[in-house]
């Protein structure tokens, strides 16, 4: 956790980490999931100095988890795939749908 994180965020981190470990994730992966989730929530609530567009405009991690638990693992969102394609310099990304972006990024 970042220095100066609130006790609430510390508890949230530990809870998410323990849940991931109970699901069978490795310790490293559980820590990564917990850190990413808590950092996103910190960004959404204005607790962090910097925040990406996806962190602030995307749906909350709690909402996303709730949707995925009922629909099965849908993987990354279109916006997340698009941002990764943009970072990697994939040509024609603006004309691609979600499945085409997944293929272009090798996430099939």
PDB file of N, CA and C in Angstrom:
ATOM      1  N   UNK A   1       0.830  -1.191   0.000  1.00  0.00           N
ATOM      2  CA  UNK A   1       0.000   0.000   0.000  1.00  0.00           C
ATOM      3  C   UNK A   1       0.869   1.246   0.000  1.00  0.00           C
ATOM      4  N   UNK A   2       0.416   2.309  -0.657  1.00  0.00           N
ATOM      5  CA  UNK A   2       1.172   3.557  -0.671  1.00  0.00           C
ATOM      6  C   UNK A   2       1.279   4.154   0.728  1.00  0.00           C
ATOM      7  N   UNK A   3       2.344   4.899   0.951  1.00  0.00           N
ATOM      8  CA  UNK A   3       2.495   5.576   2.225  1.00  0.00           C
ATOM      9  C   UNK A   3       1.326   6.530   2.424  1.00  0.00           C
ATOM     10  N   UNK A   4       0.808   6.569   3.629  1.00  0.00           N
ATOM     11  CA  UNK A   4      -0.292   7.478   3.920  1.00  0.00           C
ATOM     12  C   UNK A   4      -1.660   6.953   3.545  1.00  0.00           C
ATOM     13  N   UNK A   5      -1.749   5.676   3.151  1.00  0.00           N
ATOM     14  CA  UNK A   5      -3.063   5.115   2.821  1.00  0.00           C
ATOM     15  C   UNK A   5      -3.898   5.034   4.090  1.00  0.00           C
ATOM     16  N   UNK A   6      -5.173   5.235   3.957  1.00  0.00           N
ATOM     17  CA  UNK A   6      -6.055   5.248   5.120  1.00  0.00           C
ATOM     18  C   UNK A   6      -6.233   3.832   5.685  1.00  0.00           C
ATOM     19  N   UNK A   7      -6.595   3.745   6.947  1.00  0.00           N
ATOM     20  CA  UNK A   7      -6.858   2.422   7.537  1.00  0.00           C
ATOM     21  C   UNK A   7      -7.949   1.657   6.771  1.00  0.00           C
ATOM     22  N   UNK A   8      -8.922   2.396   6.237  1.00  0.00           N
ATOM     23  CA  UNK A   8      -9.978   1.743   5.462  1.00  0.00           C
ATOM     24  C   UNK A   8      -9.384   1.044   4.228  1.00  0.00           C
ATOM     25  N   UNK A   9      -8.497   1.733   3.532  1.00  0.00           N
ATOM     26  CA  UNK A   9      -7.878   1.141   2.335  1.00  0.00           C
ATOM     27  C   UNK A   9      -6.966  -0.026   2.702  1.00  0.00           C
ATOM     28  N   UNK A  10      -6.306   0.054   3.855  1.00  0.00           N
ATOM     29  CA  UNK A  10      -5.476  -1.061   4.323  1.00  0.00           C
ATOM     30  C   UNK A  10      -6.356  -2.298   4.556  1.00  0.00           C
ATOM     31  N   UNK A  11      -7.502  -2.097   5.219  1.00  0.00           N
ATOM     32  CA  UNK A  11      -8.419  -3.213   5.466  1.00  0.00           C
ATOM     33  C   UNK A  11      -8.967  -3.761   4.152  1.00  0.00           C
ATOM     34  N   UNK A  12      -9.293  -2.862   3.244  1.00  0.00           N
ATOM     35  CA  UNK A  12      -9.818  -3.276   1.944  1.00  0.00           C
ATOM     36  C   UNK A  12      -8.784  -4.119   1.202  1.00  0.00           C
ATOM     37  N   UNK A  13      -7.532  -3.677   1.229  1.00  0.00           N
ATOM     38  CA  UNK A  13      -6.443  -4.406   0.574  1.00  0.00           C
ATOM     39  C   UNK A  13      -6.329  -5.820   1.148  1.00  0.00           C
ATOM     40  N   UNK A  14      -6.296  -5.930   2.472  1.00  0.00           N
ATOM     41  CA  UNK A  14      -6.155  -7.236   3.121  1.00  0.00           C
ATOM     42  C   UNK A  14      -7.342  -8.138   2.811  1.00  0.00           C
ATOM     43  N   UNK A  15      -8.542  -7.586   2.811  1.00  0.00           N
ATOM     44  CA  UNK A  15      -9.735  -8.369   2.516  1.00  0.00           C
ATOM     45  C   UNK A  15      -9.699  -8.918   1.087  1.00  0.00           C
ATOM     46  N   UNK A  16      -9.354  -8.069   0.139  1.00  0.00           N
ATOM     47  CA  UNK A  16      -9.297  -8.495  -1.266  1.00  0.00           C
ATOM     48  C   UNK A  16      -8.204  -9.540  -1.454  1.00  0.00           C
ATOM     49  N   UNK A  17      -7.071  -9.316  -0.830  1.00  0.00           N
ATOM     50  CA  UNK A  17      -5.948 -10.259  -0.924  1.00  0.00           C
ATOM     51  C   UNK A  17      -6.345 -11.630  -0.370  1.00  0.00           C
ATOM     52  N   UNK A  18      -6.978 -11.639   0.804  1.00  0.00           N
ATOM     53  CA  UNK A  18      -7.412 -12.912   1.405  1.00  0.00           C
ATOM     54  C   UNK A  18      -8.441 -13.612   0.526  1.00  0.00           C
ATOM     55  N   UNK A  19      -9.359 -12.871  -0.056  1.00  0.00           N
ATOM     56  CA  UNK A  19     -10.366 -13.466  -0.935  1.00  0.00           C
ATOM     57  C   UNK A  19      -9.715 -14.119  -2.149  1.00  0.00           C
ATOM     58  N   UNK A  20      -8.727 -13.433  -2.719  1.00  0.00           N
ATOM     59  CA  UNK A  20      -8.030 -13.977  -3.886  1.00  0.00           C
ATOM     60  C   UNK A  20      -7.254 -15.242  -3.508  1.00  0.00           C
ATOM     61  N   UNK A  21      -6.637 -15.238  -2.346  1.00  0.00           N
ATOM     62  CA  UNK A  21      -5.906 -16.426  -1.890  1.00  0.00           C
ATOM     63  C   UNK A  21      -6.858 -17.601  -1.686  1.00  0.00           C
ATOM     64  N   UNK A  22      -8.032 -17.331  -1.151  1.00  0.00           N
ATOM     65  CA  UNK A  22      -9.021 -18.393  -0.946  1.00  0.00           C
ATOM     66  C   UNK A  22      -9.524 -18.962  -2.264  1.00  0.00           C
ATOM     67  N   UNK A  23      -9.527 -18.144  -3.319  1.00  0.00           N
ATOM     68  CA  UNK A  23      -9.937 -18.613  -4.646  1.00  0.00           C
ATOM     69  C   UNK A  23      -8.832 -19.409  -5.323  1.00  0.00           C
ATOM     70  N   UNK A  24      -7.649 -19.459  -4.709  1.00  0.00           N
ATOM     71  CA  UNK A  24      -6.561 -20.257  -5.265  1.00  0.00           C
ATOM     72  C   UNK A  24      -5.525 -19.467  -6.034  1.00  0.00           C
ATOM     73  N   UNK A  25      -5.576 -18.152  -5.983  1.00  0.00           N
ATOM     74  CA  UNK A  25      -4.568 -17.332  -6.652  1.00  0.00           C
ATOM     75  C   UNK A  25      -3.246 -17.438  -5.902  1.00  0.00           C
ATOM     76  N   UNK A  26      -2.144 -17.252  -6.598  1.00  0.00           N
ATOM     77  CA  UNK A  26      -0.838 -17.234  -5.937  1.00  0.00           C
ATOM     78  C   UNK A  26      -0.741 -15.972  -5.077  1.00  0.00           C
ATOM     79  N   UNK A  27       0.214 -15.960  -4.151  1.00  0.00           N
ATOM     80  CA  UNK A  27       0.380 -14.802  -3.278  1.00  0.00           C
ATOM     81  C   UNK A  27       0.682 -13.553  -4.086  1.00  0.00           C
ATOM     82  N   UNK A  28       1.584 -13.664  -5.071  1.00  0.00           N
ATOM     83  CA  UNK A  28       1.929 -12.504  -5.898  1.00  0.00           C
ATOM     84  C   UNK A  28       0.712 -11.981  -6.655  1.00  0.00           C
ATOM     85  N   UNK A  29      -0.048 -12.902  -7.237  1.00  0.00           N
ATOM     86  CA  UNK A  29      -1.232 -12.501  -8.003  1.00  0.00           C
ATOM     87  C   UNK A  29      -2.287 -11.884  -7.080  1.00  0.00           C
ATOM     88  N   UNK A  30      -2.467 -12.449  -5.891  1.00  0.00           N
ATOM     89  CA  UNK A  30      -3.439 -11.911  -4.934  1.00  0.00           C
ATOM     90  C   UNK A  30      -3.058 -10.496  -4.522  1.00  0.00           C
ATOM     91  N   UNK A  31      -1.765 -10.269  -4.296  1.00  0.00           N
ATOM     92  CA  UNK A  31      -1.307  -8.929  -3.930  1.00  0.00           C
ATOM     93  C   UNK A  31      -1.511  -7.949  -5.080  1.00  0.00           C
ATOM     94  N   UNK A  32      -1.275  -8.410  -6.309  1.00  0.00           N
ATOM     95  CA  UNK A  32      -1.469  -7.547  -7.470  1.00  0.00           C
ATOM     96  C   UNK A  32      -2.940  -7.168  -7.629  1.00  0.00           C
ATOM     97  N   UNK A  33      -3.827  -8.147  -7.498  1.00  0.00           N
ATOM     98  CA  UNK A  33      -5.260  -7.886  -7.622  1.00  0.00           C
ATOM     99  C   UNK A  33      -5.701  -6.883  -6.561  1.00  0.00           C
ATOM    100  N   UNK A  34      -5.260  -7.106  -5.325  1.00  0.00           N
ATOM    101  CA  UNK A  34      -5.645  -6.219  -4.220  1.00  0.00           C
ATOM    102  C   UNK A  34      -5.123  -4.806  -4.448  1.00  0.00           C
ATOM    103  N   UNK A  35      -3.863  -4.690  -4.843  1.00  0.00           N
ATOM    104  CA  UNK A  35      -3.269  -3.365  -5.048  1.00  0.00           C
ATOM    105  C   UNK A  35      -3.961  -2.620  -6.180  1.00  0.00           C
ATOM    106  N   UNK A  36      -4.219  -3.298  -7.289  1.00  0.00           N
ATOM    107  CA  UNK A  36      -4.873  -2.644  -8.419  1.00  0.00           C
ATOM    108  C   UNK A  36      -6.283  -2.187  -8.053  1.00  0.00           C
ATOM    109  N   UNK A  37      -7.006  -3.037  -7.334  1.00  0.00           N
ATOM    110  CA  UNK A  37      -8.370  -2.695  -6.947  1.00  0.00           C
ATOM    111  C   UNK A  37      -8.389  -1.496  -6.013  1.00  0.00           C
ATOM    112  N   UNK A  38      -7.542  -1.530  -4.998  1.00  0.00           N
ATOM    113  CA  UNK A  38      -7.508  -0.434  -4.022  1.00  0.00           C
ATOM    114  C   UNK A  38      -7.028   0.853  -4.689  1.00  0.00           C
ATOM    115  N   UNK A  39      -6.022   0.761  -5.536  1.00  0.00           N
ATOM    116  CA  UNK A  39      -5.523   1.961  -6.217  1.00  0.00           C
ATOM    117  C   UNK A  39      -6.602   2.567  -7.113  1.00  0.00           C
ATOM    118  N   UNK A  40      -7.393   1.717  -7.775  1.00  0.00           N
ATOM    119  CA  UNK A  40      -8.465   2.234  -8.619  1.00  0.00           C
ATOM    120  C   UNK A  40      -9.514   2.953  -7.770  1.00  0.00           C
ATOM    121  N   UNK A  41      -9.866   2.359  -6.642  1.00  0.00           N
ATOM    122  CA  UNK A  41     -10.845   2.990  -5.765  1.00  0.00           C
ATOM    123  C   UNK A  41     -10.310   4.306  -5.198  1.00  0.00           C
ATOM    124  N   UNK A  42      -9.019   4.350  -4.881  1.00  0.00           N
ATOM    125  CA  UNK A  42      -8.407   5.587  -4.395  1.00  0.00           C
ATOM    126  C   UNK A  42      -8.486   6.669  -5.479  1.00  0.00           C
ATOM    127  N   UNK A  43      -8.218   6.275  -6.728  1.00  0.00           N
ATOM    128  CA  UNK A  43      -8.265   7.234  -7.836  1.00  0.00           C
ATOM    129  C   UNK A  43      -9.693   7.738  -8.058  1.00  0.00           C
ATOM    130  N   UNK A  44     -10.653   6.827  -7.996  1.00  0.00           N
ATOM    131  CA  UNK A  44     -12.053   7.207  -8.216  1.00  0.00           C
ATOM    132  C   UNK A  44     -12.551   8.169  -7.149  1.00  0.00           C
ATOM    133  N   UNK A  45     -12.050   8.032  -5.922  1.00  0.00           N
ATOM    134  CA  UNK A  45     -12.537   8.889  -4.841  1.00  0.00           C
ATOM    135  C   UNK A  45     -11.663  10.116  -4.617  1.00  0.00           C
ATOM    136  N   UNK A  46     -10.658  10.328  -5.479  1.00  0.00           N
ATOM    137  CA  UNK A  46      -9.826  11.522  -5.380  1.00  0.00           C
ATOM    138  C   UNK A  46      -8.739  11.453  -4.324  1.00  0.00           C
ATOM    139  N   UNK A  47      -8.396  10.250  -3.865  1.00  0.00           N
ATOM    140  CA  UNK A  47      -7.374  10.097  -2.836  1.00  0.00           C
ATOM    141  C   UNK A  47      -5.960  10.010  -3.397  1.00  0.00           C
ATOM    142  N   UNK A  48      -5.816   9.832  -4.700  1.00  0.00           N
ATOM    143  CA  UNK A  48      -4.479   9.707  -5.285  1.00  0.00           C
ATOM    144  C   UNK A  48      -4.115  10.982  -6.049  1.00  0.00           C
ATOM    145  N   UNK A  49      -2.819  11.201  -6.212  1.00  0.00           N
ATOM    146  CA  UNK A  49      -2.358  12.417  -6.892  1.00  0.00           C
ATOM    147  C   UNK A  49      -2.630  12.368  -8.388  1.00  0.00           C
ATOM    148  N   UNK A  50      -2.489  11.183  -8.981  1.00  0.00           N
ATOM    149  CA  UNK A  50      -2.729  11.036 -10.417  1.00  0.00           C
ATOM    150  C   UNK A  50      -3.710   9.895 -10.635  1.00  0.00           C
ATOM    151  N   UNK A  51      -4.435   9.964 -11.741  1.00  0.00           N
ATOM    152  CA  UNK A  51      -5.396   8.919 -12.065  1.00  0.00           C
ATOM    153  C   UNK A  51      -5.591   8.870 -13.568  1.00  0.00           C
ATOM    154  N   UNK A  52      -5.684   7.652 -14.098  1.00  0.00           N
ATOM    155  CA  UNK A  52      -5.920   7.505 -15.532  1.00  0.00           C
ATOM    156  C   UNK A  52      -7.397   7.724 -15.838  1.00  0.00           C
ATOM    157  N   UNK A  53      -7.693   7.956 -17.098  1.00  0.00           N
ATOM    158  CA  UNK A  53      -9.083   8.145 -17.526  1.00  0.00           C
ATOM    159  C   UNK A  53      -9.911   6.906 -17.231  1.00  0.00           C
ATOM    160  N   UNK A  54      -9.335   5.740 -17.454  1.00  0.00           N
ATOM    161  CA  UNK A  54     -10.072   4.502 -17.207  1.00  0.00           C
ATOM    162  C   UNK A  54     -10.403   4.360 -15.726  1.00  0.00           C
ATOM    163  N   UNK A  55      -9.464   4.726 -14.863  1.00  0.00           N
ATOM    164  CA  UNK A  55      -9.708   4.599 -13.423  1.00  0.00           C
ATOM    165  C   UNK A  55     -10.847   5.489 -12.950  1.00  0.00           C
ATOM    166  N   UNK A  56     -10.960   6.665 -13.519  1.00  0.00           N
ATOM    167  CA  UNK A  56     -11.956   7.606 -13.025  1.00  0.00           C
ATOM    168  C   UNK A  56     -13.295   7.506 -13.749  1.00  0.00           C
ATOM    169  N   UNK A  57     -13.311   7.095 -15.006  1.00  0.00           N
ATOM    170  CA  UNK A  57     -14.555   7.088 -15.768  1.00  0.00           C
ATOM    171  C   UNK A  57     -15.177   5.708 -15.913  1.00  0.00           C
ATOM    172  N   UNK A  58     -14.400   4.670 -15.664  1.00  0.00           N
ATOM    173  CA  UNK A  58     -14.897   3.307 -15.778  1.00  0.00           C
ATOM    174  C   UNK A  58     -15.794   2.991 -14.580  1.00  0.00           C
ATOM    175  N   UNK A  59     -16.559   1.930 -14.659  1.00  0.00           N
ATOM    176  CA  UNK A  59     -17.405   1.553 -13.530  1.00  0.00           C
ATOM    177  C   UNK A  59     -16.535   1.096 -12.357  1.00  0.00           C
ATOM    178  N   UNK A  60     -17.088   1.134 -11.171  1.00  0.00           N
ATOM    179  CA  UNK A  60     -16.318   0.758  -9.985  1.00  0.00           C
ATOM    180  C   UNK A  60     -15.959  -0.723 -10.041  1.00  0.00           C
ATOM    181  N   UNK A  61     -14.885  -1.077  -9.362  1.00  0.00           N
ATOM    182  CA  UNK A  61     -14.446  -2.467  -9.360  1.00  0.00           C
ATOM    183  C   UNK A  61     -15.476  -3.371  -8.686  1.00  0.00           C
ATOM    184  N   UNK A  62     -16.188  -2.850  -7.693  1.00  0.00           N
ATOM    185  CA  UNK A  62     -17.237  -3.635  -7.052  1.00  0.00           C
ATOM    186  C   UNK A  62     -18.366  -3.950  -8.006  1.00  0.00           C
ATOM    187  N   UNK A  63     -18.762  -2.966  -8.783  1.00  0.00           N
ATOM    188  CA  UNK A  63     -19.828  -3.166  -9.769  1.00  0.00           C
ATOM    189  C   UNK A  63     -19.382  -4.160 -10.840  1.00  0.00           C
ATOM    190  N   UNK A  64     -18.156  -4.004 -11.323  1.00  0.00           N
ATOM    191  CA  UNK A  64     -17.636  -4.906 -12.357  1.00  0.00           C
ATOM    192  C   UNK A  64     -17.581  -6.341 -11.839  1.00  0.00           C
ATOM    193  N   UNK A  65     -17.118  -6.512 -10.602  1.00  0.00           N
ATOM    194  CA  UNK A  65     -17.061  -7.851 -10.020  1.00  0.00           C
ATOM    195  C   UNK A  65     -18.435  -8.466  -9.894  1.00  0.00           C
ATOM    196  N   UNK A  66     -19.401  -7.645  -9.513  1.00  0.00           N
ATOM    197  CA  UNK A  66     -20.768  -8.139  -9.396  1.00  0.00           C
ATOM    198  C   UNK A  66     -21.322  -8.584 -10.729  1.00  0.00           C
ATOM    199  N   UNK A  67     -21.055  -7.828 -11.772  1.00  0.00           N
ATOM    200  CA  UNK A  67     -21.535  -8.204 -13.098  1.00  0.00           C
ATOM    201  C   UNK A  67     -20.853  -9.473 -13.583  1.00  0.00           C
ATOM    202  N   UNK A  68     -19.557  -9.567 -13.364  1.00  0.00           N
ATOM    203  CA  UNK A  68     -18.824 -10.736 -13.839  1.00  0.00           C
ATOM    204  C   UNK A  68     -19.199 -11.990 -13.076  1.00  0.00           C
ATOM    205  N   UNK A  69     -19.563 -11.848 -11.813  1.00  0.00           N
ATOM    206  CA  UNK A  69     -19.916 -13.034 -11.045  1.00  0.00           C
ATOM    207  C   UNK A  69     -21.211 -13.655 -11.580  1.00  0.00           C
ATOM    208  N   UNK A  70     -22.032 -12.864 -12.257  1.00  0.00           N
ATOM    209  CA  UNK A  70     -23.282 -13.377 -12.804  1.00  0.00           C
ATOM    210  C   UNK A  70     -23.167 -13.760 -14.275  1.00  0.00           C
ATOM    211  N   UNK A  71     -22.222 -13.181 -14.971  1.00  0.00           N
ATOM    212  CA  UNK A  71     -22.079 -13.456 -16.400  1.00  0.00           C
ATOM    213  C   UNK A  71     -20.898 -14.366 -16.699  1.00  0.00           C
ATOM    214  N   UNK A  72     -20.100 -14.696 -15.719  1.00  0.00           N
ATOM    215  CA  UNK A  72     -18.871 -15.426 -15.974  1.00  0.00           C
ATOM    216  C   UNK A  72     -17.773 -14.430 -16.307  1.00  0.00           C
ATOM    217  N   UNK A  73     -16.563 -14.896 -16.386  1.00  0.00           N
ATOM    218  CA  UNK A  73     -15.433 -14.012 -16.646  1.00  0.00           C
ATOM    219  C   UNK A  73     -15.495 -13.520 -18.086  1.00  0.00           C
ATOM    220  N   UNK A  74     -15.754 -12.246 -18.257  1.00  0.00           N
ATOM    221  CA  UNK A  74     -15.853 -11.676 -19.591  1.00  0.00           C
ATOM    222  C   UNK A  74     -14.519 -11.098 -20.044  1.00  0.00           C
ATOM    223  N   UNK A  75     -13.532 -11.109 -19.180  1.00  0.00           N
ATOM    224  CA  UNK A  75     -12.233 -10.571 -19.536  1.00  0.00           C
ATOM    225  C   UNK A  75     -12.222  -9.065 -19.506  1.00  0.00           C
ATOM    226  N   UNK A  76     -11.178  -8.472 -20.099  1.00  0.00           N
ATOM    227  CA  UNK A  76     -11.058  -7.013 -20.096  1.00  0.00           C
ATOM    228  C   UNK A  76     -12.182  -6.344 -20.883  1.00  0.00           C
ATOM    229  N   UNK A  77     -12.496  -5.120 -20.507  1.00  0.00           N
ATOM    230  CA  UNK A  77     -13.527  -4.367 -21.214  1.00  0.00           C
ATOM    231  C   UNK A  77     -12.986  -3.869 -22.553  1.00  0.00           C
ATOM    232  N   UNK A  78     -13.885  -3.400 -23.402  1.00  0.00           N
ATOM    233  CA  UNK A  78     -13.486  -2.829 -24.688  1.00  0.00           C
ATOM    234  C   UNK A  78     -12.519  -1.669 -24.464  1.00  0.00           C
ATOM    235  N   UNK A  79     -12.854  -0.785 -23.514  1.00  0.00           N
ATOM    236  CA  UNK A  79     -11.989   0.376 -23.252  1.00  0.00           C
ATOM    237  C   UNK A  79     -10.602  -0.049 -22.799  1.00  0.00           C
ATOM    238  N   UNK A  80     -10.520  -1.084 -21.959  1.00  0.00           N
ATOM    239  CA  UNK A  80      -9.219  -1.559 -21.508  1.00  0.00           C
ATOM    240  C   UNK A  80      -8.424  -2.142 -22.664  1.00  0.00           C
ATOM    241  N   UNK A  81      -9.084  -2.918 -23.524  1.00  0.00           N
ATOM    242  CA  UNK A  81      -8.409  -3.474 -24.698  1.00  0.00           C
ATOM    243  C   UNK A  81      -7.955  -2.365 -25.640  1.00  0.00           C
ATOM    244  N   UNK A  82      -8.816  -1.370 -25.832  1.00  0.00           N
ATOM    245  CA  UNK A  82      -8.482  -0.260 -26.717  1.00  0.00           C
ATOM    246  C   UNK A  82      -7.271   0.501 -26.194  1.00  0.00           C
ATOM    247  N   UNK A  83      -7.245   0.768 -24.893  1.00  0.00           N
ATOM    248  CA  UNK A  83      -6.102   1.495 -24.311  1.00  0.00           C
ATOM    249  C   UNK A  83      -4.815   0.702 -24.449  1.00  0.00           C
ATOM    250  N   UNK A  84      -4.893  -0.615 -24.279  1.00  0.00           N
ATOM    251  CA  UNK A  84      -3.692  -1.441 -24.453  1.00  0.00           C
ATOM    252  C   UNK A  84      -3.245  -1.429 -25.910  1.00  0.00           C
ATOM    253  N   UNK A  85      -4.203  -1.503 -26.840  1.00  0.00           N
ATOM    254  CA  UNK A  85      -3.873  -1.446 -28.263  1.00  0.00           C
ATOM    255  C   UNK A  85      -3.221  -0.105 -28.606  1.00  0.00           C
ATOM    256  N   UNK A  86      -3.718   0.948 -27.995  1.00  0.00           N
ATOM    257  CA  UNK A  86      -3.154   2.279 -28.217  1.00  0.00           C
ATOM    258  C   UNK A  86      -1.704   2.335 -27.722  1.00  0.00           C
ATOM    259  N   UNK A  87      -1.480   1.784 -26.521  1.00  0.00           N
ATOM    260  CA  UNK A  87      -0.114   1.757 -25.972  1.00  0.00           C
ATOM    261  C   UNK A  87       0.834   0.959 -26.858  1.00  0.00           C
ATOM    262  N   UNK A  88       0.322  -0.131 -27.433  1.00  0.00           N
ATOM    263  CA  UNK A  88       1.158  -0.996 -28.280  1.00  0.00           C
ATOM    264  C   UNK A  88       1.254  -0.502 -29.723  1.00  0.00           C
ATOM    265  N   UNK A  89       0.462   0.489 -30.071  1.00  0.00           N
ATOM    266  CA  UNK A  89       0.512   1.043 -31.419  1.00  0.00           C
ATOM    267  C   UNK A  89      -0.152   0.172 -32.468  1.00  0.00           C
ATOM    268  N   UNK A  90      -1.234  -0.511 -32.106  1.00  0.00           N
ATOM    269  CA  UNK A  90      -1.955  -1.367 -33.054  1.00  0.00           C
ATOM    270  C   UNK A  90      -2.667  -0.489 -34.073  1.00  0.00           C
ATOM    271  N   UNK A  91      -2.393  -0.722 -35.332  1.00  0.00           N
ATOM    272  CA  UNK A  91      -3.014   0.063 -36.398  1.00  0.00           C
ATOM    273  C   UNK A  91      -4.446  -0.405 -36.654  1.00  0.00           C
ATOM    274  N   UNK A  92      -5.336   0.541 -36.939  1.00  0.00           N
ATOM    275  CA  UNK A  92      -6.727   0.233 -37.246  1.00  0.00           C
ATOM    276  C   UNK A  92      -7.578  -0.059 -36.021  1.00  0.00           C
ATOM    277  N   UNK A  93      -7.053   0.234 -34.836  1.00  0.00           N
ATOM    278  CA  UNK A  93      -7.773  -0.104 -33.594  1.00  0.00           C
ATOM    279  C   UNK A  93      -9.113   0.605 -33.466  1.00  0.00           C
ATOM    280  N   UNK A  94      -9.235   1.799 -34.025  1.00  0.00           N
ATOM    281  CA  UNK A  94     -10.489   2.547 -33.872  1.00  0.00           C
ATOM    282  C   UNK A  94     -11.638   1.905 -34.647  1.00  0.00           C
ATOM    283  N   UNK A  95     -11.318   1.080 -35.638  1.00  0.00           N
ATOM    284  CA  UNK A  95     -12.350   0.405 -36.424  1.00  0.00           C
ATOM    285  C   UNK A  95     -12.656  -0.998 -35.911  1.00  0.00           C
ATOM    286  N   UNK A  96     -11.964  -1.430 -34.856  1.00  0.00           N
ATOM    287  CA  UNK A  96     -12.115  -2.799 -34.365  1.00  0.00           C
ATOM    288  C   UNK A  96     -13.176  -2.900 -33.270  1.00  0.00           C
ATOM    289  N   UNK A  97     -13.843  -4.058 -33.230  1.00  0.00           N
ATOM    290  CA  UNK A  97     -14.750  -4.343 -32.120  1.00  0.00           C
ATOM    291  C   UNK A  97     -13.956  -5.086 -31.042  1.00  0.00           C
ATOM    292  N   UNK A  98     -14.617  -5.479 -29.969  1.00  0.00           N
ATOM    293  CA  UNK A  98     -13.926  -6.084 -28.835  1.00  0.00           C
ATOM    294  C   UNK A  98     -13.198  -7.373 -29.233  1.00  0.00           C
ATOM    295  N   UNK A  99     -13.848  -8.248 -29.971  1.00  0.00           N
ATOM    296  CA  UNK A  99     -13.207  -9.513 -30.335  1.00  0.00           C
ATOM    297  C   UNK A  99     -12.019  -9.289 -31.266  1.00  0.00           C
ATOM    298  N   UNK A 100     -12.120  -8.297 -32.149  1.00  0.00           N
ATOM    299  CA  UNK A 100     -10.995  -7.996 -33.037  1.00  0.00           C
ATOM    300  C   UNK A 100      -9.823  -7.416 -32.238  1.00  0.00           C
ATOM    301  N   UNK A 101     -10.114  -6.578 -31.264  1.00  0.00           N
ATOM    302  CA  UNK A 101      -9.046  -6.057 -30.411  1.00  0.00           C
ATOM    303  C   UNK A 101      -8.365  -7.176 -29.635  1.00  0.00           C
ATOM    304  N   UNK A 102      -9.174  -8.113 -29.108  1.00  0.00           N
ATOM    305  CA  UNK A 102      -8.602  -9.254 -28.383  1.00  0.00           C
ATOM    306  C   UNK A 102      -7.664 -10.040 -29.296  1.00  0.00           C
ATOM    307  N   UNK A 103      -8.078 -10.277 -30.530  1.00  0.00           N
ATOM    308  CA  UNK A 103      -7.241 -11.018 -31.480  1.00  0.00           C
ATOM    309  C   UNK A 103      -5.958 -10.253 -31.806  1.00  0.00           C
ATOM    310  N   UNK A 104      -6.085  -8.962 -32.045  1.00  0.00           N
ATOM    311  CA  UNK A 104      -4.917  -8.148 -32.390  1.00  0.00           C
ATOM    312  C   UNK A 104      -3.898  -8.097 -31.243  1.00  0.00           C
ATOM    313  N   UNK A 105      -4.396  -8.215 -30.022  1.00  0.00           N
ATOM    314  CA  UNK A 105      -3.518  -8.179 -28.861  1.00  0.00           C
ATOM    315  C   UNK A 105      -3.065  -9.575 -28.437  1.00  0.00           C
ATOM    316  N   UNK A 106      -3.555 -10.595 -29.143  1.00  0.00           N
ATOM    317  CA  UNK A 106      -3.171 -11.968 -28.810  1.00  0.00           C
ATOM    318  C   UNK A 106      -3.781 -12.471 -27.522  1.00  0.00           C
ATOM    319  N   UNK A 107      -5.001 -12.028 -27.228  1.00  0.00           N
ATOM    320  CA  UNK A 107      -5.658 -12.426 -25.980  1.00  0.00           C
ATOM    321  C   UNK A 107      -6.784 -13.421 -26.218  1.00  0.00           C
ATOM    322  N   UNK A 108      -6.716 -14.167 -27.296  1.00  0.00           N
ATOM    323  CA  UNK A 108      -7.778 -15.134 -27.586  1.00  0.00           C
ATOM    324  C   UNK A 108      -7.673 -16.353 -26.702  1.00  0.00           C
TER     325      UNK A 108
END
